Amino acid sequence: MAENAENQGGRMVVCSRHGLMYDASKRGGCERCIREWERQRSGQAGFPTSVKVLGLVLVVAGLYVFFTRSPTEEPAPANAAPATPQPVAGAGREVAAEASEIALQQIVADVPEVIELGRRETGRLLADDEDPERQRQDWEFWALEWGARLQPLTDELPPPPGSGGHPALALAYQDVDRILNELRAVPQARSEGVPDPVLVEQRFEAAERALQQARANLARLGG
């Protein structure tokens, strides 16, 4: 471990680990060896530092909870039943029915403007009948725009109401679904490949009749 040397009557050696001189007759190592040994012994004598830190954190947390707890927060008796909120029977169905009614009301409110706009646009296209081929092309282009205009209404349509709900809600849903189907069918109102004014108007009138029925059934829900 060390290289021996003689010095003034003592047995001086050089530490092989740290290169420091020390008196081997008085010590079992150099100054650094002794300090490392003392640190190791002190660490083994008590709890590890990590355990001490964890214990201190737990103590501080416990004191914080104790002093910040409201005076009214008293522990429940051991024999008391847990205060678990009980679900209200049919609450989920009622919420779904209310959401469906709101969505149908919104569609019914938006449909008249869409019908009016469709009538104006188809009237303009039907009046331009001097060139049947150009009219056919213009109609095809308009059909794409019409489908895009109806898409927001289709997206607002809720799922069909489940059984056990108000019958008027199911009828209103059928009416609104019929409105959208009639409006989607307007581009197909043709005769011999060209738009037919009579068939086009029949689609709009059918949509308006379904609209009136939807309004009546939705009014029954509020009664």
Protein backbone atom coordinates (compact mmCIF):
# COMPACT_ATOMS: atom_id res chain seq x y z
CA MET A 1 0.00 0.00 0.00
CA ALA A 2 2.71 2.44 0.85
CA GLU A 3 6.40 3.07 0.29
CA ASN A 4 8.42 3.12 3.58
CA ALA A 5 10.72 5.98 4.57
CA GLU A 6 12.71 6.87 7.69
CA ASN A 7 12.35 10.45 9.08
CA GLN A 8 13.48 11.82 12.48
CA GLY A 9 12.84 8.66 14.48
CA GLY A 10 9.31 8.20 13.16
CA ARG A 11 8.15 5.75 10.55
CA MET A 12 7.02 8.09 7.79
CA VAL A 13 5.37 6.60 4.74
CA VAL A 14 3.79 7.96 1.59
CA CYS A 15 0.05 7.25 1.04
CA SER A 16 -0.29 5.22 -2.12
CA ARG A 17 -3.78 6.67 -2.74
CA HIS A 18 -3.21 10.37 -2.20
CA GLY A 19 0.62 10.77 -2.26
CA LEU A 20 0.70 12.45 1.19
CA MET A 21 3.30 11.74 3.96
CA TYR A 22 2.07 10.52 7.32
CA ASP A 23 3.46 8.86 10.46
CA ALA A 24 2.46 5.20 10.19
CA SER A 25 3.21 4.68 13.91
CA LYS A 26 0.50 7.19 14.89
CA ARG A 27 -2.10 6.99 12.11
CA GLY A 28 -3.59 4.44 9.79
CA GLY A 29 -3.51 6.73 6.80
CA CYS A 30 -2.94 10.25 5.59
CA GLU A 31 -5.19 13.22 6.40
CA ARG A 32 -7.45 12.61 3.40
CA CYS A 33 -7.77 8.90 4.19
CA ILE A 34 -8.84 9.74 7.74
CA ARG A 35 -11.41 12.35 6.58
CA GLU A 36 -12.93 9.90 4.09
CA TRP A 37 -13.13 7.20 6.74
CA GLU A 38 -14.86 9.59 9.19
CA ARG A 39 -17.42 10.65 6.55
CA GLN A 40 -18.16 7.03 5.76
CA ARG A 41 -18.61 6.17 9.43
CA SER A 42 -20.92 9.13 10.06
CA GLY A 43 -23.05 8.15 7.05
CA GLN A 44 -23.42 4.58 8.31
CA ALA A 45 -24.33 5.70 11.80
CA GLY A 46 -27.64 7.35 10.84
CA PHE A 47 -30.29 7.23 8.16
CA PRO A 48 -29.32 7.98 4.56
CA THR A 49 -29.69 11.59 3.52
CA SER A 50 -32.51 10.76 1.08
CA VAL A 51 -34.54 9.14 3.89
CA LYS A 52 -34.01 12.17 6.12
CA VAL A 53 -35.16 14.55 3.37
CA LEU A 54 -38.25 12.44 2.67
CA GLY A 55 -39.15 12.39 6.35
CA LEU A 56 -38.79 16.15 6.59
CA VAL A 57 -41.06 16.64 3.55
CA LEU A 58 -43.74 14.40 5.05
CA VAL A 59 -43.64 16.27 8.33
CA VAL A 60 -43.97 19.65 6.63
CA ALA A 61 -46.83 18.40 4.46
CA GLY A 62 -48.68 17.06 7.48
CA LEU A 63 -48.35 20.35 9.32
CA TYR A 64 -49.58 22.27 6.27
CA VAL A 65 -52.71 20.11 5.94
CA PHE A 66 -53.43 20.37 9.65
CA PHE A 67 -53.17 24.16 9.86
CA THR A 68 -54.92 24.92 6.54
CA ARG A 69 -57.89 22.60 7.07
CA SER A 70 -61.16 24.45 7.53
CA PRO A 71 -62.57 24.22 11.07
CA THR A 72 -65.83 22.89 9.62
CA GLU A 73 -64.11 19.92 8.01
CA GLU A 74 -64.74 17.33 10.63
CA PRO A 75 -64.07 13.66 9.94
CA ALA A 76 -67.18 11.64 9.21
CA PRO A 77 -68.24 9.10 11.85
CA ALA A 78 -66.87 5.63 11.32
CA ASN A 79 -70.36 4.13 10.95
CA ALA A 80 -71.68 6.84 8.60
CA ALA A 81 -72.63 5.85 5.07
CA PRO A 82 -70.45 7.33 2.32
CA ALA A 83 -71.93 10.45 0.78
CA THR A 84 -71.95 9.10 -2.78
CA PRO A 85 -74.18 11.10 -5.12
CA GLN A 86 -76.94 8.92 -6.48
CA PRO A 87 -77.70 9.18 -10.20
CA VAL A 88 -81.13 10.54 -11.07
CA ALA A 89 -83.19 8.01 -12.96
CA GLY A 90 -83.53 8.97 -16.60
CA ALA A 91 -81.26 12.00 -16.27
CA GLY A 92 -79.10 10.92 -19.21
CA ARG A 93 -82.12 10.44 -21.46
CA GLU A 94 -83.51 13.84 -20.51
CA VAL A 95 -80.24 15.59 -21.34
CA ALA A 96 -80.03 13.80 -24.70
CA ALA A 97 -83.65 14.67 -25.51
CA GLU A 98 -83.07 18.32 -24.64
CA ALA A 99 -79.96 18.46 -26.85
CA SER A 100 -81.89 16.87 -29.74
CA GLU A 101 -84.74 19.35 -29.36
CA ILE A 102 -82.34 22.30 -29.43
CA ALA A 103 -80.61 20.98 -32.55
CA LEU A 104 -83.92 20.41 -34.35
CA GLN A 105 -85.14 23.87 -33.39
CA GLN A 106 -81.99 25.38 -34.89
CA ILE A 107 -82.42 23.52 -38.18
CA VAL A 108 -86.08 24.52 -38.39
CA ALA A 109 -85.05 28.14 -37.85
CA ASP A 110 -82.42 28.00 -40.62
CA VAL A 111 -84.41 26.11 -43.26
CA PRO A 112 -86.71 28.96 -44.49
CA GLU A 113 -83.77 31.08 -45.59
CA VAL A 114 -82.23 28.10 -47.39
CA ILE A 115 -85.51 27.37 -49.21
CA GLU A 116 -85.86 31.00 -50.27
CA LEU A 117 -82.30 31.09 -51.56
CA GLY A 118 -82.80 27.82 -53.43
CA ARG A 119 -85.93 29.12 -55.10
CA ARG A 120 -84.12 32.26 -56.30
CA GLU A 121 -81.14 30.37 -57.67
CA THR A 122 -83.15 27.65 -59.42
CA GLY A 123 -85.52 30.27 -60.84
CA ARG A 124 -82.59 32.07 -62.42
CA LEU A 125 -81.19 28.85 -63.90
CA LEU A 126 -84.58 27.68 -65.17
CA ALA A 127 -85.22 31.00 -66.88
CA ASP A 128 -82.00 30.66 -68.91
CA ASP A 129 -83.26 27.92 -71.23
CA GLU A 130 -82.12 29.18 -74.61
CA ASP A 131 -79.17 26.80 -74.63
CA PRO A 132 -80.18 23.45 -73.02
CA GLU A 133 -76.59 22.16 -72.94
CA ARG A 134 -75.30 25.25 -71.16
CA GLN A 135 -78.28 25.12 -68.80
CA ARG A 136 -77.44 21.51 -68.00
CA GLN A 137 -73.83 22.43 -67.20
CA ASP A 138 -74.86 25.40 -65.07
CA TRP A 139 -77.31 23.17 -63.21
CA GLU A 140 -74.61 20.59 -62.47
CA PHE A 141 -72.33 23.26 -61.09
CA TRP A 142 -75.14 24.69 -58.98
CA ALA A 143 -75.96 21.20 -57.66
CA LEU A 144 -72.47 21.02 -56.13
CA GLU A 145 -72.93 24.40 -54.46
CA TRP A 146 -76.37 23.38 -53.24
CA GLY A 147 -75.00 20.23 -51.64
CA ALA A 148 -72.31 22.24 -49.85
CA ARG A 149 -74.96 24.71 -48.63
CA LEU A 150 -77.05 21.90 -47.17
CA GLN A 151 -74.11 20.20 -45.47
CA PRO A 152 -74.14 22.39 -42.32
CA LEU A 153 -77.82 21.54 -41.79
CA THR A 154 -77.05 17.85 -42.24
CA ASP A 155 -74.19 18.10 -39.75
CA GLU A 156 -76.53 19.70 -37.17
CA LEU A 157 -79.03 16.82 -37.40
CA PRO A 158 -78.79 14.90 -34.08
CA PRO A 159 -79.00 11.11 -33.79
CA PRO A 160 -82.52 9.67 -33.85
CA PRO A 161 -84.14 9.86 -30.40
CA GLY A 162 -84.30 6.61 -28.49
CA SER A 163 -87.43 4.77 -27.50
CA GLY A 164 -89.23 5.88 -24.38
CA GLY A 165 -88.95 9.59 -25.08
CA HIS A 166 -91.61 12.10 -25.98
CA PRO A 167 -93.44 10.95 -29.16
CA ALA A 168 -93.45 14.52 -30.48
CA LEU A 169 -89.64 14.55 -30.47
CA ALA A 170 -89.48 11.44 -32.66
CA LEU A 171 -92.05 12.95 -35.05
CA ALA A 172 -90.15 16.24 -35.20
CA TYR A 173 -86.97 14.34 -36.02
CA GLN A 174 -88.72 12.55 -38.89
CA ASP A 175 -90.08 15.85 -40.20
CA VAL A 176 -86.66 17.53 -40.17
CA ASP A 177 -85.07 14.50 -41.82
CA ARG A 178 -87.76 14.68 -44.53
CA ILE A 179 -87.02 18.40 -45.05
CA LEU A 180 -83.36 17.69 -45.71
CA ASN A 181 -84.16 14.78 -48.02
CA GLU A 182 -86.52 16.93 -50.10
CA LEU A 183 -83.97 19.73 -50.38
CA ARG A 184 -81.18 17.32 -51.32
CA ALA A 185 -83.41 15.97 -54.10
CA VAL A 186 -83.93 19.35 -55.79
CA PRO A 187 -80.97 18.90 -58.22
CA GLN A 188 -82.55 15.61 -59.40
CA ALA A 189 -85.84 17.34 -60.33
CA ARG A 190 -85.32 16.98 -64.06
CA SER A 191 -87.27 15.94 -67.12
CA GLU A 192 -85.42 14.44 -70.07
CA GLY A 193 -82.09 15.52 -68.56
CA VAL A 194 -82.95 19.18 -68.05
CA PRO A 195 -84.28 20.87 -64.89
CA ASP A 196 -88.06 20.79 -64.69
CA PRO A 197 -89.63 23.87 -63.04
CA VAL A 198 -92.69 21.91 -61.89
CA LEU A 199 -90.67 19.13 -60.26
CA VAL A 200 -88.31 21.65 -58.66
CA GLU A 201 -91.21 23.54 -57.09
CA GLN A 202 -92.75 20.29 -55.86
CA ARG A 203 -89.56 19.55 -53.90
CA PHE A 204 -89.58 22.96 -52.26
CA GLU A 205 -93.28 22.68 -51.41
CA ALA A 206 -92.76 19.22 -49.87
CA ALA A 207 -89.93 20.65 -47.76
CA GLU A 208 -92.19 23.48 -46.59
CA ARG A 209 -94.98 21.05 -45.58
CA ALA A 210 -92.50 19.01 -43.56
CA LEU A 211 -91.25 22.25 -42.01
CA GLN A 212 -94.76 23.15 -40.81
CA GLN A 213 -95.21 19.69 -39.28
CA ALA A 214 -91.82 19.93 -37.54
CA ARG A 215 -92.78 23.26 -36.01
CA ALA A 216 -96.07 21.82 -34.73
CA ASN A 217 -94.39 18.79 -33.15
CA LEU A 218 -91.65 20.88 -31.54
CA ALA A 219 -94.34 23.16 -30.10
CA ARG A 220 -95.91 20.10 -28.45
CA LEU A 221 -92.67 19.52 -26.56
CA GLY A 222 -93.02 22.86 -24.81
CA GLY A 223 -96.63 22.22 -23.83
